[in-house]
Amino acid sequence: MKKKIIFAGLVVLLFVGTFWFLWMKSQPQPVQYTELVACVKNLRKTTVITGRIEPRNEVNVKPQISGIITHLLKEAGETVQAGEVIARVKVIPDMGQLSAAQARVRLASVNLQQARVDHERQRQLFDKGLVSADEYDKIHQAYRQAREEAAAAEDNLQVVRDGVSKANAKASSTLIRSTITGVILDIPVKVGNSVILSNTFNDGTTIASVANMHDLIFKGNIDETEVGRLRPGMTLQITVGALQNLRFTARLEYISPKAVESNGANQFEIKAAVQPREDGHIRSGYSANAEIVLAEARGALTIPESAVEFVGKEAFVYVAKGTGKTLTYERRRVSLGLSDGIDIEIKSGLKAGEKVRGPKQTAPSAS
């Protein structure tokens, strides 16, 4: 009998405890608010643009003749001067051009032989006073022209067959020279590769890509919602992650007048002249981020934006009045300025040092 009474008591105690726990959980929790202080500081709205570092001008060096690469005298990464030889090409003549050049030489030889005979005959007659000086000068001129044509035909044959003639050996088209001074970024050919010259039907084979690595630009895209705040001459802070977050400045030079669609959004291309630091070795194609200040307010009165209540086009804050049990909050309309996404500028309606109500916090329930 005693055990039954004890068991019943435990059941009642458990029931009462459960009821008390559920009742306490159902009671409203006391609400507390964080208090935020209005303070003066500099406020900046920035955006980050993703892009890459590129040389302003990258030149593709191409051959002036078709042939086969026999020597490569430079490697990617080396510095080259304008006019310096990068590669040598062995000419593989076009059979149609070669045949035409040989025929031109034969015809020029025949014409020269005939002009020489005519000139000698006319000279003898002129010496005897049988022809006028005017007639003799015409024959002499024809003879000189025939000699020049024969020499030109021979030079043309040498160029078609060998890629160079005796008359222009220093400007041989078999020697592929750099057109600018800079760094060789790439040599996409190897010894033994066939190359073709640029013409109407193709772009020709690129022997090397050369660029001035002291004249670099940052190229990226910015969203249409922010491009309206950009102006040429603005300063960008460039960060290159591959160089242990190396930072340097750049000056905005170009904003595209036309948008391009990217992932469903309109983007505008920008270009900025890079001013690299001397201790940073920049390579073409490095990915980089550019931070640019879109708007700035110095000495602005600010509060966290989370403390602002927006009602239509108006904004309000709750200013703390009193302390402890007498603490109340006065709803006050304010005029807003610049926001950086965290803090917002208060232009009027609030003073420095005043406390405003922030997000509410739920106090722990009493045990």
Protein backbone atom coordinates (compact mmCIF):
# COMPACT_ATOMS: atom_id res chain seq x y z
CA MET A 1 0.00 0.00 0.00
CA LYS A 2 2.82 2.35 0.86
CA LYS A 3 4.52 1.70 -2.50
CA LYS A 4 1.32 2.60 -4.35
CA ILE A 5 1.11 5.91 -2.52
CA ILE A 6 4.74 6.70 -3.36
CA PHE A 7 4.20 5.84 -7.04
CA ALA A 8 1.06 7.96 -7.25
CA GLY A 9 2.94 10.86 -5.70
CA LEU A 10 5.69 10.57 -8.27
CA VAL A 11 3.15 10.55 -11.11
CA VAL A 12 1.43 13.67 -9.72
CA LEU A 13 4.79 15.39 -9.26
CA LEU A 14 5.80 14.57 -12.83
CA PHE A 15 2.48 15.86 -14.16
CA VAL A 16 2.73 19.11 -12.19
CA GLY A 17 6.36 19.62 -13.28
CA THR A 18 5.49 19.10 -16.94
CA PHE A 19 2.56 21.52 -16.68
CA TRP A 20 4.78 24.12 -14.99
CA PHE A 21 7.49 23.75 -17.68
CA LEU A 22 5.00 24.14 -20.54
CA TRP A 23 3.35 27.11 -18.84
CA MET A 24 6.71 28.86 -18.40
CA LYS A 25 7.62 28.20 -22.03
CA SER A 26 4.35 29.75 -23.19
CA GLN A 27 4.93 32.98 -21.34
CA PRO A 28 6.13 35.95 -23.47
CA GLN A 29 9.85 36.52 -23.21
CA PRO A 30 11.08 39.94 -22.13
CA VAL A 31 12.36 41.92 -25.11
CA GLN A 32 15.58 43.88 -24.98
CA TYR A 33 17.16 46.11 -27.62
CA THR A 34 20.77 46.80 -28.44
CA GLU A 35 21.72 50.43 -28.15
CA LEU A 36 23.78 51.99 -30.94
CA VAL A 37 25.61 55.31 -30.70
CA ALA A 38 25.65 57.87 -33.50
CA CYS A 39 29.28 58.72 -34.28
CA VAL A 40 31.27 60.77 -36.79
CA LYS A 41 33.54 58.99 -39.25
CA ASN A 42 34.50 58.81 -42.91
CA LEU A 43 32.14 56.77 -45.07
CA ARG A 44 32.99 55.24 -48.43
CA LYS A 45 30.95 53.24 -50.91
CA THR A 46 33.20 50.95 -52.93
CA THR A 47 32.83 48.22 -55.47
CA VAL A 48 35.18 45.42 -56.51
CA ILE A 49 35.72 44.65 -60.19
CA THR A 50 37.17 41.32 -61.29
CA GLY A 51 39.44 41.35 -64.32
CA ARG A 52 42.97 40.67 -65.50
CA ILE A 53 46.29 42.39 -66.15
CA GLU A 54 47.28 42.70 -69.82
CA PRO A 55 49.90 44.61 -71.82
CA ARG A 56 48.43 47.62 -73.58
CA ASN A 57 49.85 46.50 -76.93
CA GLU A 58 50.68 42.91 -77.82
CA VAL A 59 52.20 42.41 -81.27
CA ASN A 60 52.16 39.17 -83.26
CA VAL A 61 55.34 38.79 -85.32
CA LYS A 62 54.66 37.00 -88.62
CA PRO A 63 56.86 35.95 -91.55
CA GLN A 64 57.02 37.80 -94.86
CA ILE A 65 57.52 34.53 -96.74
CA SER A 66 56.30 30.95 -96.52
CA GLY A 67 58.77 28.25 -95.51
CA ILE A 68 60.08 26.07 -92.70
CA ILE A 69 61.52 27.20 -89.36
CA THR A 70 65.21 26.25 -89.25
CA HIS A 71 66.39 28.21 -86.17
CA LEU A 72 64.74 29.75 -83.12
CA LEU A 73 67.11 32.27 -81.55
CA LYS A 74 64.88 33.44 -78.68
CA GLU A 75 62.66 31.90 -75.99
CA ALA A 76 59.50 33.06 -74.28
CA GLY A 77 60.28 35.39 -71.39
CA GLU A 78 63.37 36.93 -72.98
CA THR A 79 63.66 40.63 -73.77
CA VAL A 80 64.03 41.51 -77.44
CA GLN A 81 64.90 44.76 -79.18
CA ALA A 82 63.13 46.12 -82.23
CA GLY A 83 64.81 44.64 -85.33
CA GLU A 84 66.43 41.78 -83.41
CA VAL A 85 66.23 38.36 -85.09
CA ILE A 86 63.89 35.87 -83.45
CA ALA A 87 63.92 33.01 -85.98
CA ARG A 88 65.17 31.94 -89.39
CA VAL A 89 63.06 30.47 -92.15
CA LYS A 90 64.09 28.26 -95.05
CA VAL A 91 62.11 29.17 -98.14
CA ILE A 92 59.96 26.57 -99.86
CA PRO A 93 59.24 28.36 -103.16
CA ASP A 94 55.85 28.27 -104.82
CA MET A 95 56.32 26.39 -108.07
CA GLY A 96 54.10 28.75 -110.03
CA GLN A 97 55.98 31.82 -108.81
CA LEU A 98 59.34 30.09 -109.40
CA SER A 99 58.42 29.20 -112.99
CA ALA A 100 57.25 32.75 -113.65
CA ALA A 101 60.46 34.20 -112.19
CA GLN A 102 62.64 31.88 -114.31
CA ALA A 103 60.70 32.79 -117.44
CA ARG A 104 61.13 36.48 -116.63
CA VAL A 105 64.92 35.97 -116.35
CA ARG A 106 65.10 34.21 -119.71
CA LEU A 107 63.03 36.88 -121.43
CA ALA A 108 65.07 39.67 -119.86
CA SER A 109 68.28 37.95 -121.03
CA VAL A 110 67.00 37.75 -124.62
CA ASN A 111 65.94 41.40 -124.58
CA LEU A 112 69.28 42.45 -123.13
CA GLN A 113 71.21 40.55 -125.80
CA GLN A 114 69.20 42.21 -128.54
CA ALA A 115 69.55 45.63 -126.91
CA ARG A 116 73.31 45.16 -126.69
CA VAL A 117 73.59 44.31 -130.41
CA ASP A 118 71.41 47.31 -131.36
CA HIS A 119 73.45 49.58 -129.13
CA GLU A 120 76.79 48.44 -130.57
CA ARG A 121 75.56 48.85 -134.16
CA GLN A 122 74.16 52.31 -133.43
CA ARG A 123 77.37 53.38 -131.68
CA GLN A 124 79.44 52.51 -134.75
CA LEU A 125 77.10 54.50 -136.99
CA PHE A 126 77.16 57.42 -134.56
CA ASP A 127 80.97 57.41 -134.53
CA LYS A 128 80.93 57.70 -138.34
CA GLY A 129 78.43 60.54 -138.18
CA LEU A 130 75.70 58.54 -139.95
CA VAL A 131 73.05 58.89 -137.18
CA SER A 132 72.06 61.82 -135.05
CA ALA A 133 72.84 62.14 -131.37
CA ASP A 134 69.10 61.99 -130.58
CA GLU A 135 68.70 58.60 -132.25
CA TYR A 136 71.81 57.29 -130.53
CA ASP A 137 70.55 58.47 -127.09
CA LYS A 138 67.29 56.56 -127.59
CA ILE A 139 69.12 53.32 -128.36
CA HIS A 140 71.47 53.87 -125.44
CA GLN A 141 68.47 54.42 -123.12
CA ALA A 142 66.82 51.21 -124.30
CA TYR A 143 70.04 49.33 -123.64
CA ARG A 144 70.25 50.66 -120.08
CA GLN A 145 66.61 49.73 -119.43
CA ALA A 146 67.23 46.21 -120.69
CA ARG A 147 70.18 45.85 -118.28
CA GLU A 148 68.08 47.06 -115.35
CA GLU A 149 65.25 44.68 -116.24
CA ALA A 150 67.69 41.76 -116.40
CA ALA A 151 69.09 42.64 -112.96
CA ALA A 152 65.59 43.04 -111.49
CA ALA A 153 64.51 39.68 -112.97
CA GLU A 154 67.55 38.00 -111.42
CA ASP A 155 66.85 39.57 -108.02
CA ASN A 156 63.23 38.47 -108.19
CA LEU A 157 64.28 34.90 -108.97
CA GLN A 158 66.65 34.88 -105.99
CA VAL A 159 63.92 36.17 -103.68
CA VAL A 160 61.39 33.59 -104.88
CA ARG A 161 63.91 30.76 -104.75
CA ASP A 162 66.01 31.69 -101.68
CA GLY A 163 64.01 34.33 -99.87
CA VAL A 164 66.78 36.89 -100.27
CA SER A 165 68.70 38.51 -103.09
CA LYS A 166 72.26 39.79 -103.18
CA ALA A 167 70.98 43.36 -103.48
CA ASN A 168 68.99 43.26 -100.20
CA ALA A 169 70.84 40.64 -98.16
CA LYS A 170 70.70 42.80 -94.99
CA ALA A 171 66.91 42.95 -95.18
CA SER A 172 66.46 39.25 -95.75
CA SER A 173 62.87 38.07 -95.36
CA THR A 174 64.19 34.71 -94.16
CA LEU A 175 65.21 36.42 -90.90
CA ILE A 176 62.13 36.97 -88.69
CA ARG A 177 62.73 40.16 -86.70
CA SER A 178 60.83 41.69 -83.80
CA THR A 179 58.90 44.79 -84.79
CA ILE A 180 58.94 46.31 -81.26
CA THR A 181 61.08 46.30 -78.13
CA GLY A 182 59.60 44.23 -75.32
CA VAL A 183 59.26 40.81 -73.74
CA ILE A 184 58.50 37.69 -75.76
CA LEU A 185 55.27 36.33 -74.28
CA ASP A 186 54.96 33.24 -76.46
CA ILE A 187 56.64 31.42 -79.33
CA PRO A 188 53.96 29.02 -80.62
CA VAL A 189 56.15 27.38 -83.31
CA LYS A 190 59.01 24.89 -83.20
CA VAL A 191 61.97 24.15 -85.46
CA GLY A 192 60.66 22.22 -88.45
CA ASN A 193 57.19 23.79 -88.43
CA SER A 194 55.88 25.12 -91.72
CA VAL A 195 54.87 28.78 -91.71
CA ILE A 196 52.95 30.90 -94.18
CA LEU A 197 52.92 34.62 -94.79
CA SER A 198 49.86 36.79 -94.24
CA ASN A 199 47.75 37.43 -97.33
CA THR A 200 44.18 38.03 -98.45
CA PHE A 201 43.09 34.49 -97.66
CA ASN A 202 44.69 33.87 -94.23
CA ASP A 203 46.23 35.71 -91.28
CA GLY A 204 49.59 33.99 -91.56
CA THR A 205 51.54 32.04 -88.95
CA THR A 206 52.46 33.79 -85.71
CA ILE A 207 56.16 33.28 -84.96
CA ALA A 208 56.16 35.15 -81.63
CA SER A 209 54.02 37.43 -79.47
CA VAL A 210 55.89 40.46 -78.10
CA ALA A 211 54.65 43.13 -75.67
CA ASN A 212 55.98 46.05 -73.66
CA MET A 213 55.52 44.83 -70.07
CA HIS A 214 56.20 48.30 -68.67
CA ASP A 215 52.92 49.54 -70.15
CA LEU A 216 50.15 47.44 -68.61
CA ILE A 217 46.40 47.88 -68.23
CA PHE A 218 43.74 46.38 -66.00
CA LYS A 219 40.73 45.19 -68.00
CA GLY A 220 37.44 44.25 -66.34
CA ASN A 221 33.66 44.63 -66.45
CA ILE A 222 31.36 46.65 -64.18
CA ASP A 223 27.59 46.34 -63.74
CA GLU A 224 25.30 48.90 -65.36
CA THR A 225 23.94 49.95 -61.92
CA GLU A 226 27.37 51.31 -60.96
CA VAL A 227 28.92 52.45 -64.23
CA GLY A 228 27.17 55.83 -64.04
CA ARG A 229 29.36 56.82 -61.07
CA LEU A 230 32.65 56.20 -62.88
CA ARG A 231 34.70 58.95 -64.46
CA PRO A 232 38.02 58.74 -66.37
CA GLY A 233 40.90 59.61 -64.08
CA MET A 234 39.51 57.86 -60.99
CA THR A 235 41.98 55.82 -58.93
CA LEU A 236 41.67 52.05 -58.57
CA GLN A 237 43.42 49.84 -56.03
CA ILE A 238 44.56 46.67 -57.80
CA THR A 239 45.11 43.40 -55.92
CA VAL A 240 46.86 40.43 -57.57
CA GLY A 241 46.15 37.29 -55.56
CA ALA A 242 48.83 35.24 -57.30
CA LEU A 243 51.50 37.60 -55.92
CA GLN A 244 50.56 37.22 -52.24
CA ASN A 245 47.90 39.91 -52.58
CA LEU A 246 50.29 42.47 -54.06
CA ARG A 247 48.58 45.89 -54.20
CA PHE A 248 49.25 48.82 -56.49
CA THR A 249 47.28 51.65 -58.06
CA ALA A 250 45.79 52.22 -61.50
CA ARG A 251 44.13 55.16 -63.24
CA LEU A 252 40.83 54.69 -65.06
CA GLU A 253 41.25 55.51 -68.76
CA TYR A 254 38.35 53.96 -70.65
CA ILE A 255 34.69 53.16 -70.06
CA SER A 256 32.96 51.31 -72.89
CA PRO A 257 30.00 53.17 -74.39
CA LYS A 258 28.29 49.86 -75.17
CA ALA A 259 27.16 47.12 -72.79
CA VAL A 260 27.70 43.41 -73.26
CA GLU A 261 25.43 40.79 -71.70
CA SER A 262 27.06 38.50 -69.15
CA ASN A 263 25.06 35.94 -67.15
CA GLY A 264 21.86 37.84 -67.85
CA ALA A 265 23.24 41.23 -66.70
CA ASN A 266 24.53 44.17 -68.71
CA GLN A 267 28.23 44.79 -68.16
CA PHE A 268 30.47 47.63 -69.36
CA GLU A 269 34.16 47.07 -70.08
CA ILE A 270 36.67 49.36 -68.37
CA LYS A 271 40.42 49.80 -68.80
CA ALA A 272 42.84 51.36 -66.34
CA ALA A 273 46.54 52.19 -66.72
CA VAL A 274 48.47 50.12 -64.18
CA GLN A 275 51.29 51.62 -62.12
CA PRO A 276 53.07 48.48 -60.87
CA ARG A 277 55.44 48.53 -57.95
CA GLU A 278 59.10 47.96 -58.70
CA ASP A 279 59.26 44.94 -56.38
CA GLY A 280 56.39 43.15 -58.11
CA HIS A 281 57.00 41.10 -61.26
CA ILE A 282 53.73 41.30 -63.20
CA ARG A 283 52.97 38.70 -65.86
CA SER A 284 50.48 39.02 -68.68
CA GLY A 285 47.12 37.43 -67.90
CA TYR A 286 47.24 37.61 -64.08
CA SER A 287 43.76 37.64 -62.55
CA ALA A 288 43.23 40.73 -60.42
CA ASN A 289 40.59 42.60 -58.42
CA ALA A 290 40.15 46.35 -58.63
CA GLU A 291 38.57 48.28 -55.76
CA ILE A 292 37.17 51.66 -56.71
CA VAL A 293 35.52 54.30 -54.53
CA LEU A 294 32.15 55.19 -56.05
CA ALA A 295 31.20 57.81 -53.43
CA GLU A 296 32.72 59.21 -50.23
CA ALA A 297 31.50 61.29 -47.27
CA ARG A 298 34.15 62.66 -44.88
CA GLY A 299 33.26 63.54 -41.30
CA ALA A 300 29.75 62.11 -41.68
CA LEU A 301 27.41 61.36 -38.76
CA THR A 302 26.66 57.65 -39.06
CA ILE A 303 24.73 54.83 -37.42
CA PRO A 304 24.38 51.18 -38.43
CA GLU A 305 21.82 50.85 -41.20
CA SER A 306 20.05 48.11 -39.24
CA ALA A 307 18.80 50.79 -36.79
CA VAL A 308 16.84 52.62 -39.48
CA GLU A 309 13.13 51.94 -40.06
CA PHE A 310 11.93 52.63 -43.59
CA VAL A 311 8.32 53.60 -44.19
CA GLY A 312 7.75 54.35 -47.86
CA LYS A 313 10.18 57.09 -48.82
CA GLU A 314 10.71 58.22 -45.22
CA ALA A 315 13.18 56.93 -42.64
CA PHE A 316 12.89 56.82 -38.85
CA VAL A 317 15.04 55.94 -35.86
CA TYR A 318 14.12 55.32 -32.20
CA VAL A 319 16.18 57.58 -29.93
CA ALA A 320 16.78 56.38 -26.35
CA LYS A 321 15.34 58.59 -23.56
CA GLY A 322 16.12 57.91 -19.91
CA THR A 323 17.82 54.88 -18.37
CA GLY A 324 16.91 51.72 -16.53
CA LYS A 325 13.20 51.35 -15.79
CA THR A 326 12.50 54.82 -17.18
CA LEU A 327 14.07 53.98 -20.53
CA THR A 328 11.83 54.88 -23.46
CA TYR A 329 12.34 55.35 -27.17
CA GLU A 330 11.30 58.39 -29.17
CA ARG A 331 10.45 57.80 -32.83
CA ARG A 332 12.20 60.45 -34.91
CA ARG A 333 12.32 61.09 -38.65
CA VAL A 334 15.81 61.45 -40.14
CA SER A 335 17.31 62.44 -43.48
CA LEU A 336 19.72 59.89 -44.93
CA GLY A 337 22.82 60.18 -47.07
CA LEU A 338 25.48 57.76 -48.26
CA SER A 339 25.40 54.08 -47.26
CA ASP A 340 28.23 51.57 -47.54
CA GLY A 341 25.92 48.62 -46.85
CA ILE A 342 26.75 48.54 -43.12
CA ASP A 343 26.67 52.12 -41.87
CA ILE A 344 24.55 54.97 -43.21
CA GLU A 345 24.99 58.74 -43.12
CA ILE A 346 22.49 60.82 -41.12
CA LYS A 347 22.19 64.29 -42.63
CA SER A 348 19.61 65.64 -40.20
CA GLY A 349 17.40 64.55 -37.29
CA LEU A 350 20.14 63.15 -35.03
CA LYS A 351 23.15 64.41 -33.10
CA ALA A 352 26.52 62.83 -32.42
CA GLY A 353 26.52 60.79 -29.20
CA GLU A 354 22.78 60.11 -29.15
CA LYS A 355 21.79 56.48 -28.70
CA VAL A 356 19.33 54.78 -30.97
CA ARG A 357 17.51 51.48 -30.70
CA GLY A 358 19.09 48.67 -32.63
CA PRO A 359 17.84 45.15 -33.42
CA LYS A 360 15.91 43.50 -30.61
CA GLN A 361 17.36 40.73 -28.50
CA THR A 362 15.42 38.10 -26.57
CA ALA A 363 16.56 37.90 -22.95
CA PRO A 364 17.00 34.43 -21.43
CA SER A 365 13.94 33.27 -19.44
CA ALA A 366 14.08 33.21 -15.65
CA SER A 367 14.73 29.84 -14.10
